């Protein structure tokens, strides 16, 4: 099924996708750092997991790198976005909530963003939604939603290959 895109207000960006797999299988991919390194980076990026502690209060530290030409410079350097944060909530097979910030000299990126990934069982699979709240003003809504949709596509491909 194609992904659903939701245009939101007040610096909230979200997208959803149906994945023909049970919530448990998808949830495992959300908490496995090796899996995250494969499915999380949107098209045109790679990710290096520096720290990933999947428990409430656990640290998240990643460097996302552009792999080719990109019209917008990275937030940390020309070709890199470094994020740091923590897991706020983990509800097995239902939801993860993370709070992250970008390492940047630009004050337009200093706000902490909340990322909620929710899993809703549906006949034949799971509706996976990613909702980002308090998105820094400097992040384009259309680019961000496109990136979220790309990440969901990667997650679906990862899970459907049976890697989790």
N, C-alpha and C. Protein backbone atom coordinates (compact mmCIF):
# COMPACT_ATOMS: atom_id res chain seq x y z
N UNK A 1 0.83 -1.18 0.00
CA UNK A 1 0.00 0.00 0.00
C UNK A 1 0.88 1.25 0.00
N UNK A 2 0.47 2.31 -0.64
CA UNK A 2 1.27 3.53 -0.64
C UNK A 2 1.25 4.19 0.73
N UNK A 3 2.22 5.05 0.94
CA UNK A 3 2.28 5.72 2.23
C UNK A 3 1.28 6.86 2.26
N UNK A 4 0.80 7.16 3.46
CA UNK A 4 -0.11 8.28 3.66
C UNK A 4 0.69 9.46 4.17
N UNK A 5 0.42 10.62 3.63
CA UNK A 5 1.13 11.82 4.07
C UNK A 5 0.12 12.73 4.72
N UNK A 6 0.51 13.22 5.89
CA UNK A 6 -0.36 14.12 6.63
C UNK A 6 0.33 15.47 6.73
N UNK A 7 -0.31 16.50 6.24
CA UNK A 7 0.24 17.84 6.40
C UNK A 7 -0.34 18.39 7.69
N UNK A 8 0.52 18.87 8.54
CA UNK A 8 0.10 19.30 9.86
C UNK A 8 0.39 20.77 10.06
N UNK A 9 0.14 21.23 11.26
CA UNK A 9 0.32 22.64 11.58
C UNK A 9 1.29 22.77 12.76
N UNK A 10 1.67 23.98 13.06
CA UNK A 10 2.47 24.30 14.24
C UNK A 10 3.71 23.43 14.38
N UNK A 11 4.48 23.35 13.31
CA UNK A 11 5.75 22.63 13.34
C UNK A 11 5.63 21.17 13.73
N UNK A 12 4.58 20.55 13.26
CA UNK A 12 4.42 19.11 13.41
C UNK A 12 4.35 18.52 12.01
N UNK A 13 5.22 17.55 11.75
CA UNK A 13 5.26 16.89 10.45
C UNK A 13 5.05 15.40 10.68
N UNK A 14 4.29 14.76 9.81
CA UNK A 14 3.99 13.34 10.01
C UNK A 14 3.75 12.64 8.68
N UNK A 15 4.00 11.34 8.71
CA UNK A 15 3.68 10.48 7.58
C UNK A 15 3.41 9.08 8.13
N UNK A 16 2.70 8.27 7.35
CA UNK A 16 2.36 6.91 7.78
C UNK A 16 2.47 5.97 6.59
N UNK A 17 2.63 4.68 6.91
CA UNK A 17 2.72 3.66 5.87
C UNK A 17 2.22 2.34 6.44
N UNK A 18 1.49 1.61 5.63
CA UNK A 18 1.08 0.25 5.99
C UNK A 18 2.23 -0.68 5.64
N UNK A 19 2.60 -1.54 6.60
CA UNK A 19 3.64 -2.54 6.37
C UNK A 19 3.03 -3.91 6.65
N UNK A 20 3.10 -4.84 5.70
CA UNK A 20 2.49 -6.15 5.88
C UNK A 20 3.32 -7.06 6.79
N UNK A 21 3.39 -6.66 8.06
CA UNK A 21 4.13 -7.42 9.08
C UNK A 21 3.49 -7.11 10.42
N UNK A 22 3.61 -8.03 11.39
CA UNK A 22 3.04 -7.77 12.70
C UNK A 22 3.81 -6.69 13.46
N UNK A 23 3.14 -6.00 14.38
CA UNK A 23 3.81 -4.94 15.15
C UNK A 23 5.10 -5.42 15.83
N UNK A 24 5.11 -6.63 16.36
CA UNK A 24 6.31 -7.12 17.08
C UNK A 24 7.54 -7.10 16.19
N UNK A 25 7.39 -7.55 14.95
CA UNK A 25 8.53 -7.60 14.02
C UNK A 25 9.03 -6.19 13.72
N UNK A 26 8.12 -5.26 13.52
CA UNK A 26 8.49 -3.88 13.23
C UNK A 26 9.13 -3.24 14.47
N UNK A 27 8.55 -3.49 15.63
CA UNK A 27 9.06 -2.92 16.87
C UNK A 27 10.52 -3.36 17.11
N UNK A 28 10.82 -4.61 16.80
CA UNK A 28 12.19 -5.09 16.95
C UNK A 28 13.16 -4.29 16.09
N UNK A 29 12.73 -3.93 14.89
CA UNK A 29 13.58 -3.13 14.00
C UNK A 29 13.78 -1.71 14.52
N UNK A 30 12.82 -1.21 15.30
CA UNK A 30 12.94 0.14 15.86
C UNK A 30 14.00 0.23 16.94
N UNK A 31 14.26 -0.90 17.63
CA UNK A 31 15.15 -0.88 18.78
C UNK A 31 16.51 -1.54 18.54
N UNK A 32 16.74 -2.06 17.36
CA UNK A 32 17.99 -2.73 17.04
C UNK A 32 18.90 -1.73 16.31
N UNK A 33 20.02 -1.33 16.92
CA UNK A 33 20.87 -0.31 16.28
C UNK A 33 21.39 -0.72 14.91
N UNK A 34 21.65 -2.00 14.70
CA UNK A 34 22.11 -2.45 13.38
C UNK A 34 21.01 -2.28 12.34
N UNK A 35 19.77 -2.57 12.73
CA UNK A 35 18.63 -2.38 11.83
C UNK A 35 18.41 -0.89 11.56
N UNK A 36 18.46 -0.08 12.61
CA UNK A 36 18.25 1.37 12.46
C UNK A 36 19.25 1.96 11.47
N UNK A 37 20.49 1.49 11.52
CA UNK A 37 21.51 2.00 10.60
C UNK A 37 21.17 1.70 9.15
N UNK A 38 20.38 0.66 8.92
CA UNK A 38 19.98 0.29 7.55
C UNK A 38 18.74 1.05 7.10
N UNK A 39 17.68 1.08 7.94
CA UNK A 39 16.42 1.62 7.45
C UNK A 39 16.19 3.09 7.76
N UNK A 40 16.83 3.66 8.76
CA UNK A 40 16.48 5.03 9.15
C UNK A 40 16.93 6.12 8.19
N UNK A 41 18.13 6.05 7.60
CA UNK A 41 18.52 7.19 6.77
C UNK A 41 17.63 7.30 5.53
N UNK A 42 17.09 8.50 5.29
CA UNK A 42 16.28 8.68 4.08
C UNK A 42 17.17 8.60 2.84
N UNK A 43 16.53 8.54 1.69
CA UNK A 43 17.25 8.47 0.41
C UNK A 43 18.30 9.58 0.35
N UNK A 44 19.50 9.22 -0.08
CA UNK A 44 20.57 10.20 -0.22
C UNK A 44 21.41 10.39 1.03
N UNK A 45 21.17 9.56 2.06
CA UNK A 45 21.92 9.69 3.30
C UNK A 45 22.33 8.31 3.83
N UNK A 46 23.34 8.32 4.67
CA UNK A 46 23.73 7.14 5.45
C UNK A 46 23.73 7.58 6.91
N UNK A 47 23.78 6.61 7.83
CA UNK A 47 23.83 6.96 9.24
C UNK A 47 24.91 6.16 9.94
N UNK A 48 25.60 6.83 10.85
CA UNK A 48 26.53 6.18 11.75
C UNK A 48 25.91 6.25 13.15
N UNK A 49 25.69 5.08 13.74
CA UNK A 49 25.16 5.03 15.09
C UNK A 49 26.34 5.17 16.05
N UNK A 50 26.37 6.23 16.81
CA UNK A 50 27.44 6.47 17.77
C UNK A 50 27.05 5.91 19.14
N UNK A 51 25.81 6.16 19.52
CA UNK A 51 25.29 5.65 20.79
C UNK A 51 23.80 5.41 20.60
N UNK A 52 23.32 4.26 21.09
CA UNK A 52 21.91 3.91 20.91
C UNK A 52 21.53 2.97 22.05
N UNK A 53 20.85 3.52 23.03
CA UNK A 53 20.47 2.79 24.24
C UNK A 53 18.95 2.75 24.33
N UNK A 54 18.32 1.72 23.75
CA UNK A 54 16.86 1.68 23.64
C UNK A 54 16.15 1.29 24.94
N UNK A 55 16.13 2.23 25.87
CA UNK A 55 15.34 2.12 27.10
C UNK A 55 15.00 3.54 27.53
N UNK A 56 13.91 3.73 28.29
CA UNK A 56 13.56 5.09 28.71
C UNK A 56 14.74 5.77 29.40
N UNK A 57 15.10 6.94 28.91
CA UNK A 57 16.24 7.68 29.42
C UNK A 57 17.53 7.34 28.70
N UNK A 58 17.52 6.32 27.84
CA UNK A 58 18.71 5.90 27.11
C UNK A 58 19.11 6.90 26.04
N UNK A 59 20.40 7.00 25.80
CA UNK A 59 20.97 7.99 24.88
C UNK A 59 20.82 7.57 23.42
N UNK A 60 20.71 8.59 22.58
CA UNK A 60 20.73 8.46 21.12
C UNK A 60 21.76 9.46 20.62
N UNK A 61 22.69 9.00 19.79
CA UNK A 61 23.68 9.89 19.19
C UNK A 61 24.01 9.29 17.83
N UNK A 62 23.70 10.03 16.77
CA UNK A 62 23.89 9.54 15.40
C UNK A 62 24.42 10.66 14.51
N UNK A 63 25.15 10.25 13.48
CA UNK A 63 25.59 11.19 12.45
C UNK A 63 24.99 10.73 11.12
N UNK A 64 24.15 11.57 10.55
CA UNK A 64 23.58 11.30 9.23
C UNK A 64 24.40 12.09 8.21
N UNK A 65 24.83 11.38 7.16
CA UNK A 65 25.69 12.01 6.15
C UNK A 65 25.05 11.93 4.77
N UNK A 66 25.12 13.05 4.05
CA UNK A 66 24.64 13.07 2.68
C UNK A 66 25.61 12.29 1.80
N UNK A 67 25.07 11.52 0.85
CA UNK A 67 25.91 10.68 0.00
C UNK A 67 26.18 11.29 -1.37
N UNK A 68 25.54 12.36 -1.70
CA UNK A 68 25.73 12.98 -3.01
C UNK A 68 25.38 14.45 -2.94
N UNK A 69 25.08 15.01 -4.10
CA UNK A 69 24.69 16.42 -4.14
C UNK A 69 23.38 16.60 -3.39
N UNK A 70 23.30 17.70 -2.67
CA UNK A 70 22.06 18.02 -1.95
C UNK A 70 21.90 19.54 -1.94
N UNK A 71 20.69 20.01 -2.18
CA UNK A 71 20.47 21.45 -2.34
C UNK A 71 20.57 22.24 -1.03
N UNK A 72 20.37 21.57 0.10
CA UNK A 72 20.38 22.25 1.39
C UNK A 72 21.58 21.73 2.18
N UNK A 73 22.38 22.62 2.78
CA UNK A 73 23.53 22.14 3.55
C UNK A 73 23.08 21.38 4.80
N UNK A 74 23.96 20.53 5.30
CA UNK A 74 23.69 19.82 6.53
C UNK A 74 23.54 20.79 7.70
N UNK A 75 22.99 20.30 8.79
CA UNK A 75 22.76 21.16 9.95
C UNK A 75 24.01 21.32 10.81
N UNK A 76 24.88 20.29 10.83
CA UNK A 76 26.09 20.34 11.65
C UNK A 76 27.28 20.79 10.83
N UNK A 77 27.39 20.28 9.61
CA UNK A 77 28.43 20.70 8.67
C UNK A 77 27.81 20.65 7.28
N UNK A 78 28.58 20.95 6.27
CA UNK A 78 28.06 20.99 4.90
C UNK A 78 27.34 19.71 4.51
N UNK A 79 27.88 18.55 4.95
CA UNK A 79 27.34 17.26 4.51
C UNK A 79 26.85 16.37 5.65
N UNK A 80 26.67 16.91 6.85
CA UNK A 80 26.35 16.07 8.01
C UNK A 80 25.32 16.71 8.92
N UNK A 81 24.44 15.86 9.43
CA UNK A 81 23.50 16.22 10.51
C UNK A 81 23.83 15.31 11.69
N UNK A 82 24.28 15.88 12.79
CA UNK A 82 24.52 15.09 14.00
C UNK A 82 23.36 15.35 14.95
N UNK A 83 22.76 14.26 15.43
CA UNK A 83 21.66 14.37 16.39
C UNK A 83 22.04 13.69 17.69
N UNK A 84 21.57 14.29 18.78
CA UNK A 84 21.73 13.71 20.11
C UNK A 84 20.39 13.79 20.79
N UNK A 85 20.13 12.82 21.64
CA UNK A 85 18.87 12.85 22.36
C UNK A 85 18.73 11.66 23.27
N UNK A 86 17.46 11.34 23.54
CA UNK A 86 17.20 10.20 24.40
C UNK A 86 15.83 9.62 24.12
N UNK A 87 15.70 8.37 24.52
CA UNK A 87 14.39 7.72 24.48
C UNK A 87 13.59 8.24 25.66
N UNK A 88 12.39 8.69 25.40
CA UNK A 88 11.50 9.20 26.44
C UNK A 88 10.54 8.10 26.90
N UNK A 89 10.01 7.37 25.92
CA UNK A 89 9.02 6.33 26.23
C UNK A 89 9.20 5.17 25.25
N UNK A 90 9.04 3.97 25.77
CA UNK A 90 9.03 2.78 24.93
C UNK A 90 7.90 1.89 25.42
N UNK A 91 6.91 1.68 24.57
CA UNK A 91 5.79 0.79 24.87
C UNK A 91 5.89 -0.36 23.88
N UNK A 92 6.27 -1.55 24.35
CA UNK A 92 6.51 -2.67 23.43
C UNK A 92 5.37 -2.89 22.43
N UNK A 93 5.76 -3.00 21.17
CA UNK A 93 4.87 -3.29 20.05
C UNK A 93 3.83 -2.21 19.79
N UNK A 94 3.98 -1.04 20.44
CA UNK A 94 2.99 0.04 20.30
C UNK A 94 3.63 1.36 19.88
N UNK A 95 4.71 1.79 20.60
CA UNK A 95 5.18 3.16 20.37
C UNK A 95 6.58 3.36 20.96
N UNK A 96 7.36 4.23 20.29
CA UNK A 96 8.58 4.78 20.88
C UNK A 96 8.48 6.30 20.77
N UNK A 97 9.03 6.97 21.77
CA UNK A 97 9.09 8.43 21.75
C UNK A 97 10.53 8.82 22.04
N UNK A 98 11.08 9.66 21.17
CA UNK A 98 12.45 10.14 21.32
C UNK A 98 12.44 11.67 21.32
N UNK A 99 13.36 12.25 22.07
CA UNK A 99 13.58 13.70 22.02
C UNK A 99 14.99 13.88 21.47
N UNK A 100 15.13 14.63 20.39
CA UNK A 100 16.45 14.83 19.79
C UNK A 100 16.70 16.31 19.51
N UNK A 101 17.97 16.65 19.48
CA UNK A 101 18.40 17.97 19.04
C UNK A 101 19.50 17.80 18.01
N UNK A 102 19.63 18.78 17.15
CA UNK A 102 20.69 18.79 16.15
C UNK A 102 21.88 19.55 16.70
N UNK A 103 23.08 19.02 16.49
CA UNK A 103 24.28 19.79 16.79
C UNK A 103 24.44 20.80 15.66
N UNK A 104 24.35 22.09 16.00
CA UNK A 104 24.42 23.13 14.98
C UNK A 104 24.78 24.46 15.62
N UNK A 105 25.52 25.26 14.87
CA UNK A 105 25.82 26.62 15.31
C UNK A 105 24.67 27.56 14.99
N UNK A 106 23.73 27.08 14.17
CA UNK A 106 22.59 27.90 13.75
C UNK A 106 21.48 27.79 14.79
N UNK A 107 21.12 28.90 15.43
CA UNK A 107 20.06 28.85 16.45
C UNK A 107 18.70 28.39 15.91
N UNK A 108 18.54 28.40 14.59
CA UNK A 108 17.27 27.95 14.01
C UNK A 108 17.07 26.45 14.19
N UNK A 109 18.10 25.72 14.61
CA UNK A 109 18.00 24.28 14.82
C UNK A 109 18.08 23.88 16.29
N UNK A 110 18.04 24.83 17.21
CA UNK A 110 18.31 24.50 18.61
C UNK A 110 17.13 23.86 19.36
N UNK A 111 15.95 23.96 18.84
CA UNK A 111 14.79 23.37 19.52
C UNK A 111 14.88 21.85 19.58
N UNK A 112 14.45 21.28 20.69
CA UNK A 112 14.37 19.81 20.81
C UNK A 112 13.12 19.33 20.09
N UNK A 113 13.27 18.32 19.25
CA UNK A 113 12.16 17.76 18.48
C UNK A 113 11.74 16.43 19.11
N UNK A 114 10.46 16.22 19.24
CA UNK A 114 9.91 14.96 19.73
C UNK A 114 9.51 14.11 18.53
N UNK A 115 9.96 12.86 18.51
CA UNK A 115 9.63 11.95 17.42
C UNK A 115 8.90 10.75 18.00
N UNK A 116 7.64 10.59 17.60
CA UNK A 116 6.83 9.47 18.07
C UNK A 116 6.60 8.52 16.89
N UNK A 117 7.01 7.29 17.07
CA UNK A 117 6.76 6.25 16.08
C UNK A 117 5.71 5.33 16.68
N UNK A 118 4.56 5.23 16.02
CA UNK A 118 3.43 4.44 16.53
C UNK A 118 3.12 3.29 15.60
N UNK A 119 2.75 2.16 16.21
CA UNK A 119 2.38 0.96 15.48
C UNK A 119 0.94 0.61 15.79
N UNK A 120 0.11 0.51 14.77
CA UNK A 120 -1.31 0.18 14.95
C UNK A 120 -1.62 -1.08 14.14
N UNK A 121 -1.98 -2.18 14.82
CA UNK A 121 -2.31 -3.40 14.08
C UNK A 121 -3.49 -3.17 13.14
N UNK A 122 -3.35 -3.70 11.95
CA UNK A 122 -4.41 -3.65 10.93
C UNK A 122 -4.50 -5.04 10.32
N UNK A 123 -5.62 -5.37 9.67
CA UNK A 123 -5.70 -6.67 9.01
C UNK A 123 -4.53 -6.84 8.02
N UNK A 124 -3.76 -7.88 8.20
CA UNK A 124 -2.66 -8.17 7.29
C UNK A 124 -1.37 -7.43 7.57
N UNK A 125 -1.32 -6.65 8.64
CA UNK A 125 -0.08 -5.93 8.92
C UNK A 125 -0.22 -4.86 9.97
N UNK A 126 0.54 -3.78 9.77
CA UNK A 126 0.63 -2.71 10.77
C UNK A 126 0.70 -1.36 10.08
N UNK A 127 -0.05 -0.40 10.58
CA UNK A 127 0.07 0.99 10.15
C UNK A 127 1.15 1.63 11.02
N UNK A 128 2.23 2.07 10.39
CA UNK A 128 3.34 2.70 11.11
C UNK A 128 3.29 4.19 10.82
N UNK A 129 3.26 5.00 11.88
CA UNK A 129 3.26 6.45 11.69
C UNK A 129 4.42 7.06 12.45
N UNK A 130 5.02 8.05 11.83
CA UNK A 130 6.08 8.83 12.47
C UNK A 130 5.57 10.26 12.53
N UNK A 131 5.55 10.79 13.75
CA UNK A 131 5.07 12.15 13.99
C UNK A 131 6.18 12.93 14.68
N UNK A 132 6.61 14.00 14.06
CA UNK A 132 7.67 14.86 14.62
C UNK A 132 7.03 16.16 15.09
N UNK A 133 7.19 16.44 16.37
CA UNK A 133 6.61 17.65 16.96
C UNK A 133 7.74 18.60 17.36
N UNK A 134 7.43 19.87 17.36
CA UNK A 134 8.39 20.92 17.69
C UNK A 134 9.56 20.89 16.71
N UNK A 135 9.23 20.71 15.43
CA UNK A 135 10.25 20.67 14.38
C UNK A 135 10.86 22.07 14.26
N UNK A 136 12.19 22.16 14.29
CA UNK A 136 12.82 23.48 14.14
C UNK A 136 12.32 24.19 12.87
N UNK A 137 12.10 25.49 13.01
CA UNK A 137 11.57 26.31 11.92
C UNK A 137 12.39 26.20 10.63
N UNK A 138 13.69 25.98 10.76
CA UNK A 138 14.56 25.96 9.58
C UNK A 138 14.42 24.69 8.75
N UNK A 139 13.65 23.71 9.22
CA UNK A 139 13.46 22.47 8.47
C UNK A 139 12.22 22.60 7.60
N UNK A 140 12.40 22.47 6.31
CA UNK A 140 11.31 22.58 5.35
C UNK A 140 10.30 21.45 5.58
N UNK A 141 9.03 21.80 5.69
CA UNK A 141 8.00 20.79 5.90
C UNK A 141 7.95 19.79 4.75
N UNK A 142 7.99 20.26 3.52
CA UNK A 142 7.90 19.33 2.39
C UNK A 142 9.11 18.40 2.34
N UNK A 143 10.32 18.94 2.56
CA UNK A 143 11.52 18.09 2.56
C UNK A 143 11.48 17.09 3.71
N UNK A 144 11.01 17.54 4.87
CA UNK A 144 10.98 16.66 6.04
C UNK A 144 9.97 15.53 5.86
N UNK A 145 8.80 15.85 5.36
CA UNK A 145 7.78 14.82 5.13
C UNK A 145 8.27 13.83 4.07
N UNK A 146 8.95 14.34 3.05
CA UNK A 146 9.53 13.45 2.04
C UNK A 146 10.57 12.53 2.68
N UNK A 147 11.38 13.06 3.58
CA UNK A 147 12.37 12.26 4.29
C UNK A 147 11.74 11.21 5.19
N UNK A 148 10.67 11.58 5.90
CA UNK A 148 9.96 10.63 6.76
C UNK A 148 9.36 9.51 5.91
N UNK A 149 8.75 9.87 4.80
CA UNK A 149 8.17 8.86 3.90
C UNK A 149 9.25 7.93 3.36
N UNK A 150 10.43 8.46 3.05
CA UNK A 150 11.54 7.64 2.58
C UNK A 150 12.00 6.67 3.67
N UNK A 151 12.08 7.16 4.89
CA UNK A 151 12.46 6.31 6.03
C UNK A 151 11.44 5.19 6.22
N UNK A 152 10.16 5.50 6.13
CA UNK A 152 9.12 4.47 6.26
C UNK A 152 9.21 3.45 5.13
N UNK A 153 9.52 3.90 3.93
CA UNK A 153 9.71 2.98 2.80
C UNK A 153 10.87 2.04 3.09
N UNK A 154 11.97 2.59 3.62
CA UNK A 154 13.13 1.77 3.98
C UNK A 154 12.78 0.76 5.07
N UNK A 155 12.02 1.20 6.07
CA UNK A 155 11.61 0.30 7.16
C UNK A 155 10.78 -0.85 6.60
N UNK A 156 9.84 -0.53 5.72
CA UNK A 156 9.01 -1.57 5.11
C UNK A 156 9.87 -2.56 4.34
N UNK A 157 10.81 -2.07 3.56
CA UNK A 157 11.69 -2.96 2.78
C UNK A 157 12.52 -3.83 3.71
N UNK A 158 13.04 -3.24 4.78
CA UNK A 158 13.85 -3.99 5.74
C UNK A 158 13.05 -5.12 6.37
N UNK A 159 11.86 -4.79 6.86
CA UNK A 159 11.02 -5.79 7.54
C UNK A 159 10.53 -6.84 6.55
N UNK A 160 10.15 -6.43 5.35
CA UNK A 160 9.63 -7.37 4.36
C UNK A 160 10.70 -8.36 3.89
N UNK A 161 11.98 -7.95 3.95
CA UNK A 161 13.07 -8.86 3.59
C UNK A 161 13.30 -9.89 4.71
N UNK A 162 12.59 -9.72 5.83
CA UNK A 162 12.72 -10.67 6.92
C UNK A 162 13.98 -10.51 7.73
N UNK A 163 14.53 -9.31 7.73
CA UNK A 163 15.80 -9.10 8.42
C UNK A 163 15.61 -8.84 9.90
N UNK A 164 14.41 -8.59 10.35
CA UNK A 164 14.26 -8.33 11.78
C UNK A 164 13.58 -9.50 12.45
